[in-house]
C-alpha atoms as a PDB file:
ATOM      1  CA  MET A   1     -49.800 -21.426  25.578  1.00  0.00           C
ATOM      2  CA  LYS A   2     -48.531 -18.916  28.118  1.00  0.00           C
ATOM      3  CA  PRO A   3     -49.762 -15.297  27.778  1.00  0.00           C
ATOM      4  CA  SER A   4     -46.164 -14.061  27.914  1.00  0.00           C
ATOM      5  CA  ASN A   5     -45.229 -16.163  24.886  1.00  0.00           C
ATOM      6  CA  ILE A   6     -48.020 -14.615  22.817  1.00  0.00           C
ATOM      7  CA  LEU A   7     -47.210 -11.115  24.049  1.00  0.00           C
ATOM      8  CA  LEU A   8     -43.615 -11.415  22.875  1.00  0.00           C
ATOM      9  CA  ILE A   9     -44.719 -11.897  19.254  1.00  0.00           C
ATOM     10  CA  ALA A  10     -46.638  -8.620  19.298  1.00  0.00           C
ATOM     11  CA  ALA A  11     -43.690  -6.454  18.332  1.00  0.00           C
ATOM     12  CA  ALA A  12     -42.933  -8.713  15.387  1.00  0.00           C
ATOM     13  CA  ILE A  13     -46.459  -8.435  14.004  1.00  0.00           C
ATOM     14  CA  LEU A  14     -46.456  -4.680  14.588  1.00  0.00           C
ATOM     15  CA  SER A  15     -43.168  -4.106  12.768  1.00  0.00           C
ATOM     16  CA  PHE A  16     -44.153  -6.225   9.785  1.00  0.00           C
ATOM     17  CA  SER A  17     -47.486  -4.411   9.600  1.00  0.00           C
ATOM     18  CA  ILE A  18     -45.889  -0.967   9.551  1.00  0.00           C
ATOM     19  CA  THR A  19     -43.324  -2.087   6.971  1.00  0.00           C
ATOM     20  CA  ALA A  20     -45.650  -3.856   4.597  1.00  0.00           C
ATOM     21  CA  LEU A  21     -49.203  -2.549   4.833  1.00  0.00           C
ATOM     22  CA  HIS A  22     -48.931   1.068   3.717  1.00  0.00           C
ATOM     23  CA  SER A  23     -51.304   0.568   0.804  1.00  0.00           C
ATOM     24  CA  GLN A  24     -53.645  -1.949   2.403  1.00  0.00           C
ATOM     25  CA  GLU A  25     -56.675  -1.539   4.616  1.00  0.00           C
ATOM     26  CA  ARG A  26     -55.284  -1.281   8.133  1.00  0.00           C
ATOM     27  CA  PHE A  27     -57.783  -3.556   9.836  1.00  0.00           C
ATOM     28  CA  ASP A  28     -55.019  -4.514  12.267  1.00  0.00           C
ATOM     29  CA  LEU A  29     -55.085  -0.973  13.677  1.00  0.00           C
ATOM     30  CA  LEU A  30     -58.650  -1.548  14.845  1.00  0.00           C
ATOM     31  CA  VAL A  31     -57.988  -4.745  16.766  1.00  0.00           C
ATOM     32  CA  ARG A  32     -54.343  -5.381  17.504  1.00  0.00           C
ATOM     33  CA  GLY A  33     -54.131  -3.282  20.668  1.00  0.00           C
ATOM     34  CA  ASP A  34     -56.961  -5.215  22.279  1.00  0.00           C
ATOM     35  CA  PHE A  35     -55.651  -8.535  21.004  1.00  0.00           C
ATOM     36  CA  PHE A  36     -52.200  -7.824  22.446  1.00  0.00           C
ATOM     37  CA  ALA A  37     -53.730  -6.818  25.772  1.00  0.00           C
ATOM     38  CA  GLY A  38     -55.934  -9.890  25.663  1.00  0.00           C
ATOM     39  CA  PHE A  39     -53.001 -12.189  24.970  1.00  0.00           C
ATOM     40  CA  ALA A  40     -51.326 -10.620  28.004  1.00  0.00           C
ATOM     41  CA  GLY A  41     -54.270 -11.645  30.181  1.00  0.00           C
ATOM     42  CA  ASN A  42     -56.809  -8.816  29.827  1.00  0.00           C
ATOM     43  CA  VAL A  43     -60.044 -10.769  29.363  1.00  0.00           C
ATOM     44  CA  GLU A  44     -62.178  -7.707  28.598  1.00  0.00           C
ATOM     45  CA  ALA A  45     -59.784  -6.516  25.896  1.00  0.00           C
ATOM     46  CA  LEU A  46     -59.796  -9.907  24.222  1.00  0.00           C
ATOM     47  CA  GLU A  47     -63.594  -9.973  24.292  1.00  0.00           C
ATOM     48  CA  ARG A  48     -63.699  -6.549  22.584  1.00  0.00           C
ATOM     49  CA  ALA A  49     -61.260  -7.671  19.912  1.00  0.00           C
ATOM     50  CA  MET A  50     -63.097 -10.907  19.241  1.00  0.00           C
ATOM     51  CA  LYS A  51     -66.434  -9.069  19.071  1.00  0.00           C
ATOM     52  CA  LEU A  52     -65.090  -6.556  16.550  1.00  0.00           C
ATOM     53  CA  THR A  53     -63.711  -9.299  14.308  1.00  0.00           C
ATOM     54  CA  GLU A  54     -66.977 -11.221  14.604  1.00  0.00           C
ATOM     55  CA  GLU A  55     -68.931  -8.130  13.564  1.00  0.00           C
ATOM     56  CA  LYS A  56     -66.648  -7.666  10.570  1.00  0.00           C
ATOM     57  CA  LEU A  57     -67.082 -11.321   9.628  1.00  0.00           C
ATOM     58  CA  LYS A  58     -70.870 -10.959   9.789  1.00  0.00           C
ATOM     59  CA  GLU A  59     -70.560  -8.163   7.232  1.00  0.00           C
ATOM     60  CA  ASN A  60     -68.086 -10.127   5.135  1.00  0.00           C
ATOM     61  CA  PRO A  61     -67.414 -13.784   6.035  1.00  0.00           C
ATOM     62  CA  ASN A  62     -64.414 -13.737   3.713  1.00  0.00           C
ATOM     63  CA  HIS A  63     -62.613 -10.773   5.256  1.00  0.00           C
ATOM     64  CA  ALA A  64     -59.185 -12.387   5.405  1.00  0.00           C
ATOM     65  CA  GLU A  65     -57.593 -10.113   8.005  1.00  0.00           C
ATOM     66  CA  ALA A  66     -60.561 -10.404  10.348  1.00  0.00           C
ATOM     67  CA  LEU A  67     -60.409 -14.181   9.930  1.00  0.00           C
ATOM     68  CA  VAL A  68     -56.724 -14.444  10.750  1.00  0.00           C
ATOM     69  CA  TRP A  69     -57.052 -12.271  13.857  1.00  0.00           C
ATOM     70  CA  HIS A  70     -60.184 -14.071  15.049  1.00  0.00           C
ATOM     71  CA  GLY A  71     -58.477 -17.401  14.441  1.00  0.00           C
ATOM     72  CA  SER A  72     -55.472 -16.262  16.451  1.00  0.00           C
ATOM     73  CA  GLY A  73     -57.816 -15.388  19.304  1.00  0.00           C
ATOM     74  CA  LEU A  74     -59.374 -18.855  19.212  1.00  0.00           C
ATOM     75  CA  PHE A  75     -55.892 -20.399  19.102  1.00  0.00           C
ATOM     76  CA  TYR A  76     -54.922 -18.441  22.219  1.00  0.00           C
ATOM     77  CA  GLN A  77     -58.150 -19.347  24.002  1.00  0.00           C
ATOM     78  CA  SER A  78     -57.563 -23.007  23.209  1.00  0.00           C
ATOM     79  CA  GLY A  79     -54.255 -22.882  25.038  1.00  0.00           C
ATOM     80  CA  GLN A  80     -55.878 -21.276  28.041  1.00  0.00           C
ATOM     81  CA  LEU A  81     -58.517 -24.013  28.184  1.00  0.00           C
ATOM     82  CA  MET A  82     -55.983 -26.801  27.825  1.00  0.00           C
ATOM     83  CA  SER A  83     -53.874 -25.311  30.615  1.00  0.00           C
ATOM     84  CA  LYS A  84     -56.994 -25.728  32.783  1.00  0.00           C
ATOM     85  CA  LYS A  85     -57.307 -29.391  31.675  1.00  0.00           C
ATOM     86  CA  ASP A  86     -60.390 -28.703  29.535  1.00  0.00           C
ATOM     87  CA  PHE A  87     -58.929 -30.631  26.637  1.00  0.00           C
ATOM     88  CA  ALA A  88     -62.178 -31.287  24.783  1.00  0.00           C
ATOM     89  CA  LYS A  89     -63.166 -27.630  24.495  1.00  0.00           C
ATOM     90  CA  GLY A  90     -59.537 -26.629  24.039  1.00  0.00           C
ATOM     91  CA  MET A  91     -59.067 -28.922  21.061  1.00  0.00           C
ATOM     92  CA  GLU A  92     -62.338 -27.710  19.561  1.00  0.00           C
ATOM     93  CA  LEU A  93     -61.146 -24.086  19.664  1.00  0.00           C
ATOM     94  CA  TYR A  94     -57.691 -25.150  18.491  1.00  0.00           C
ATOM     95  CA  GLY A  95     -59.176 -26.755  15.387  1.00  0.00           C
ATOM     96  CA  ARG A  96     -61.438 -23.787  14.682  1.00  0.00           C
ATOM     97  CA  GLY A  97     -58.594 -21.320  15.140  1.00  0.00           C
ATOM     98  CA  ILE A  98     -56.284 -23.184  12.780  1.00  0.00           C
ATOM     99  CA  ALA A  99     -59.090 -23.535  10.218  1.00  0.00           C
ATOM    100  CA  GLU A 100     -59.874 -19.811  10.293  1.00  0.00           C
ATOM    101  CA  MET A 101     -56.230 -18.790   9.916  1.00  0.00           C
ATOM    102  CA  ASN A 102     -55.789 -21.280   7.066  1.00  0.00           C
ATOM    103  CA  LYS A 103     -58.904 -19.989   5.315  1.00  0.00           C
ATOM    104  CA  ALA A 104     -57.575 -16.438   5.602  1.00  0.00           C
ATOM    105  CA  VAL A 105     -54.383 -17.484   3.829  1.00  0.00           C
ATOM    106  CA  GLU A 106     -56.349 -19.315   1.140  1.00  0.00           C
ATOM    107  CA  LEU A 107     -58.410 -16.174   0.522  1.00  0.00           C
ATOM    108  CA  GLU A 108     -55.479 -13.753   0.336  1.00  0.00           C
ATOM    109  CA  PRO A 109     -52.199 -15.662   0.020  1.00  0.00           C
ATOM    110  CA  LYS A 110     -50.213 -12.550  -0.899  1.00  0.00           C
ATOM    111  CA  ASN A 111     -51.513 -10.359   1.923  1.00  0.00           C
ATOM    112  CA  ILE A 112     -48.689  -9.779   4.392  1.00  0.00           C
ATOM    113  CA  GLY A 113     -51.301  -8.633   6.914  1.00  0.00           C
ATOM    114  CA  VAL A 114     -52.585 -12.222   6.860  1.00  0.00           C
ATOM    115  CA  ARG A 115     -49.334 -14.139   6.457  1.00  0.00           C
ATOM    116  CA  ILE A 116     -47.375 -12.541   9.295  1.00  0.00           C
ATOM    117  CA  PRO A 117     -50.036 -12.827  12.027  1.00  0.00           C
ATOM    118  CA  ARG A 118     -50.575 -16.506  11.248  1.00  0.00           C
ATOM    119  CA  GLY A 119     -46.864 -17.244  11.078  1.00  0.00           C
ATOM    120  CA  ALA A 120     -46.065 -15.371  14.278  1.00  0.00           C
ATOM    121  CA  VAL A 121     -48.894 -16.929  16.301  1.00  0.00           C
ATOM    122  CA  LEU A 122     -48.217 -20.458  15.090  1.00  0.00           C
ATOM    123  CA  SER A 123     -44.465 -20.259  15.644  1.00  0.00           C
ATOM    124  CA  ALA A 124     -44.908 -19.033  19.216  1.00  0.00           C
ATOM    125  CA  GLY A 125     -47.389 -21.795  19.949  1.00  0.00           C
ATOM    126  CA  ALA A 126     -45.582 -24.616  18.157  1.00  0.00           C
ATOM    127  CA  ARG A 127     -42.322 -24.116  20.041  1.00  0.00           C
ATOM    128  CA  ASN A 128     -44.063 -25.349  23.183  1.00  0.00           C
ATOM    129  CA  MET A 129     -45.739 -28.393  21.612  1.00  0.00           C
ATOM    130  CA  PRO A 130     -44.614 -31.996  21.124  1.00  0.00           C
ATOM    131  CA  ALA A 131     -42.679 -32.426  17.882  1.00  0.00           C
ATOM    132  CA  GLU A 132     -45.330 -34.452  16.080  1.00  0.00           C
ATOM    133  CA  MET A 133     -48.003 -31.845  16.841  1.00  0.00           C
ATOM    134  CA  ALA A 134     -45.698 -28.918  16.109  1.00  0.00           C
ATOM    135  CA  LYS A 135     -44.367 -30.011  12.706  1.00  0.00           C
ATOM    136  CA  PRO A 136     -47.451 -29.164  10.597  1.00  0.00           C
ATOM    137  CA  LEU A 137     -47.621 -25.781  12.302  1.00  0.00           C
ATOM    138  CA  PHE A 138     -43.979 -25.071  11.508  1.00  0.00           C
ATOM    139  CA  LEU A 139     -44.632 -26.029   7.888  1.00  0.00           C
ATOM    140  CA  SER A 140     -47.344 -23.359   7.819  1.00  0.00           C
ATOM    141  CA  VAL A 141     -44.957 -20.864   9.429  1.00  0.00           C
ATOM    142  CA  ILE A 142     -42.367 -21.608   6.741  1.00  0.00           C
ATOM    143  CA  ASP A 143     -44.997 -21.169   4.030  1.00  0.00           C
ATOM    144  CA  ASP A 144     -46.010 -17.810   5.510  1.00  0.00           C
ATOM    145  CA  TYR A 145     -42.545 -16.428   6.106  1.00  0.00           C
ATOM    146  CA  TYR A 146     -41.077 -17.696   2.838  1.00  0.00           C
ATOM    147  CA  THR A 147     -43.950 -16.109   0.912  1.00  0.00           C
ATOM    148  CA  VAL A 148     -43.176 -12.795   2.615  1.00  0.00           C
ATOM    149  CA  TYR A 149     -39.441 -13.326   2.037  1.00  0.00           C
ATOM    150  CA  GLN A 150     -40.017 -13.754  -1.688  1.00  0.00           C
ATOM    151  CA  MET A 151     -42.244 -10.669  -1.797  1.00  0.00           C
ATOM    152  CA  GLN A 152     -39.641  -8.539  -0.005  1.00  0.00           C
ATOM    153  CA  GLU A 153     -36.409 -10.130  -1.222  1.00  0.00           C
ATOM    154  CA  LYS A 154     -35.481  -7.356  -3.665  1.00  0.00           C
ATOM    155  CA  TYR A 155     -35.571  -4.698  -0.966  1.00  0.00           C
ATOM    156  CA  LEU A 156     -34.965  -6.759   2.162  1.00  0.00           C
ATOM    157  CA  ASP A 157     -31.722  -4.900   2.826  1.00  0.00           C
ATOM    158  CA  LYS A 158     -33.733  -1.667   3.096  1.00  0.00           C
ATOM    159  CA  ILE A 159     -35.911  -3.063   5.898  1.00  0.00           C
ATOM    160  CA  GLY A 160     -34.944  -2.393   9.507  1.00  0.00           C
ATOM    161  CA  THR A 161     -33.056  -4.810  11.709  1.00  0.00           C
ATOM    162  CA  HIS A 162     -36.085  -5.928  13.699  1.00  0.00           C
ATOM    163  CA  PRO A 163     -38.539  -6.887  10.910  1.00  0.00           C
ATOM    164  CA  ARG A 164     -35.725  -8.350   8.782  1.00  0.00           C
ATOM    165  CA  GLY A 165     -34.324 -10.271  11.716  1.00  0.00           C
ATOM    166  CA  GLU A 166     -37.712 -11.640  12.749  1.00  0.00           C
ATOM    167  CA  LEU A 167     -38.416 -12.791   9.193  1.00  0.00           C
ATOM    168  CA  LEU A 168     -35.048 -14.484   8.646  1.00  0.00           C
ATOM    169  CA  PHE A 169     -34.929 -15.956  12.130  1.00  0.00           C
ATOM    170  CA  GLY A 170     -38.512 -17.201  11.784  1.00  0.00           C
ATOM    171  CA  LEU A 171     -37.469 -19.145   8.704  1.00  0.00           C
ATOM    172  CA  ALA A 172     -34.187 -20.404  10.123  1.00  0.00           C
ATOM    173  CA  ASP A 173     -35.715 -21.418  13.443  1.00  0.00           C
ATOM    174  CA  SER A 174     -38.681 -23.196  11.838  1.00  0.00           C
ATOM    175  CA  PHE A 175     -36.444 -25.164   9.485  1.00  0.00           C
ATOM    176  CA  SER A 176     -34.218 -26.108  12.429  1.00  0.00           C
ATOM    177  CA  ARG A 177     -37.216 -27.488  14.346  1.00  0.00           C
ATOM    178  CA  ILE A 178     -38.388 -29.793  11.560  1.00  0.00           C
ATOM    179  CA  GLY A 179     -34.910 -31.192  10.954  1.00  0.00           C
ATOM    180  CA  ALA A 180     -34.242 -29.334   7.689  1.00  0.00           C
ATOM    181  CA  THR A 181     -30.661 -28.579   8.684  1.00  0.00           C
ATOM    182  CA  ALA A 182     -29.359 -27.407   5.300  1.00  0.00           C
ATOM    183  CA  LYS A 183     -32.166 -24.880   4.932  1.00  0.00           C
ATOM    184  CA  ALA A 184     -31.687 -23.722   8.509  1.00  0.00           C
ATOM    185  CA  ASP A 185     -27.984 -23.265   7.737  1.00  0.00           C
ATOM    186  CA  HIS A 186     -28.870 -21.133   4.704  1.00  0.00           C
ATOM    187  CA  PHE A 187     -31.032 -18.663   6.611  1.00  0.00           C
ATOM    188  CA  PHE A 188     -28.820 -18.541   9.694  1.00  0.00           C
ATOM    189  CA  ALA A 189     -25.894 -17.754   7.370  1.00  0.00           C
ATOM    190  CA  GLU A 190     -27.972 -15.012   5.753  1.00  0.00           C
ATOM    191  CA  ILE A 191     -28.585 -13.567   9.213  1.00  0.00           C
ATOM    192  CA  GLN A 192     -24.851 -13.551   9.936  1.00  0.00           C
ATOM    193  CA  LYS A 193     -24.142 -11.839   6.625  1.00  0.00           C
ATOM    194  CA  SER A 194     -26.903  -9.228   6.629  1.00  0.00           C
ATOM    195  CA  LEU A 195     -27.236  -8.544  10.365  1.00  0.00           C
ATOM    196  CA  PRO A 196     -23.739  -8.816  11.853  1.00  0.00           C
ATOM    197  CA  ASN A 197     -23.190  -7.927  15.502  1.00  0.00           C
ATOM    198  CA  SER A 198     -26.906  -8.174  16.260  1.00  0.00           C
ATOM    199  CA  ALA A 199     -28.949 -10.312  18.639  1.00  0.00           C
ATOM    200  CA  TYR A 200     -30.021 -12.268  15.568  1.00  0.00           C
ATOM    201  CA  SER A 201     -26.447 -13.021  14.503  1.00  0.00           C
ATOM    202  CA  ARG A 202     -25.687 -14.214  18.031  1.00  0.00           C
ATOM    203  CA  ARG A 203     -28.566 -16.646  17.718  1.00  0.00           C
ATOM    204  CA  ALA A 204     -27.129 -17.784  14.395  1.00  0.00           C
ATOM    205  CA  ASP A 205     -23.696 -18.249  16.004  1.00  0.00           C
ATOM    206  CA  LYS A 206     -25.300 -20.458  18.646  1.00  0.00           C
ATOM    207  CA  TRP A 207     -26.958 -22.561  15.961  1.00  0.00           C
ATOM    208  CA  PHE A 208     -23.684 -23.166  14.150  1.00  0.00           C
ATOM    209  CA  GLU A 209     -22.023 -24.091  17.457  1.00  0.00           C
ATOM    210  CA  THR A 210     -24.649 -26.633  18.494  1.00  0.00           C
ATOM    211  CA  LYS A 211     -26.829 -27.404  15.444  1.00  0.00           C
ATOM    212  CA  GLN A 212     -29.703 -27.547  17.926  1.00  0.00           C
ATOM    213  CA  PRO A 213     -32.833 -25.344  17.955  1.00  0.00           C
ATOM    214  CA  LEU A 214     -32.799 -22.668  20.623  1.00  0.00           C
ATOM    215  CA  PRO A 215     -34.863 -23.341  23.745  1.00  0.00           C
ATOM    216  CA  ALA A 216     -38.362 -21.972  23.214  1.00  0.00           C
ATOM    217  CA  ALA A 217     -37.938 -19.227  25.815  1.00  0.00           C
ATOM    218  CA  GLN A 218     -34.841 -17.949  23.975  1.00  0.00           C
ATOM    219  CA  ALA A 219     -36.470 -17.897  20.551  1.00  0.00           C
ATOM    220  CA  ASN A 220     -39.202 -15.333  21.105  1.00  0.00           C
ATOM    221  CA  CYS A 221     -39.434 -12.007  19.344  1.00  0.00           C
ATOM    222  CA  ILE A 222     -36.535  -9.625  19.877  1.00  0.00           C
ATOM    223  CA  GLY A 223     -38.482  -6.394  20.186  1.00  0.00           C
ATOM    224  CA  CYS A 224     -37.682  -2.779  20.690  1.00  0.00           C
ATOM    225  CA  HIS A 225     -38.154  -3.470  24.394  1.00  0.00           C
ATOM    226  CA  THR A 226     -35.097  -5.728  24.499  1.00  0.00           C
ATOM    227  CA  THR A 227     -31.412  -5.022  24.162  1.00  0.00           C
ATOM    228  CA  LYS A 228     -30.135  -5.710  20.648  1.00  0.00           C
END
């Protein structure tokens, strides 16, 4: 997985965190800066972030947010190893990373601070994988994002363009990539209705023109750093 692909999901995680974690322990504030820097290639920052999550997990092995962040770090490291042709070690870390993120969701299935990091990391990674390897990851992404969608549905129209767009597009895009065309249509249509004249609605327009998933490089997070 390329560092740039991981970096582009950072704004999505950040926006969801600010929107949804007002009343929760903000463990993400302790680690996300170093994780983002690490995913961008800063080895020392990633080491600090992994160490902090490991210390938290020594105190409490079932700390769900520490697990999901640590698992995301292992997932990233697995991609780095596989890009260097170290497939054995890469697949070991890949399996451990997925297992940790899954355990985090099992522990706290209604914690948005767990659901969104897993969904964002897996969607960014899966878009660059072969279809048969990517499908189970996209099913996890759909589970994460649809859980959040149901939790926020009553006030989704009050949420800003970016977090709402990332949530709806995450669902639409994931359904499109597993061949669930009708469900992809539903969420792309919701994007067109609720976010007209936005970068997200233009992506939806493209889907309805082609009925093909966007190229991976064109499906990354639309952050504050990009033109809407």
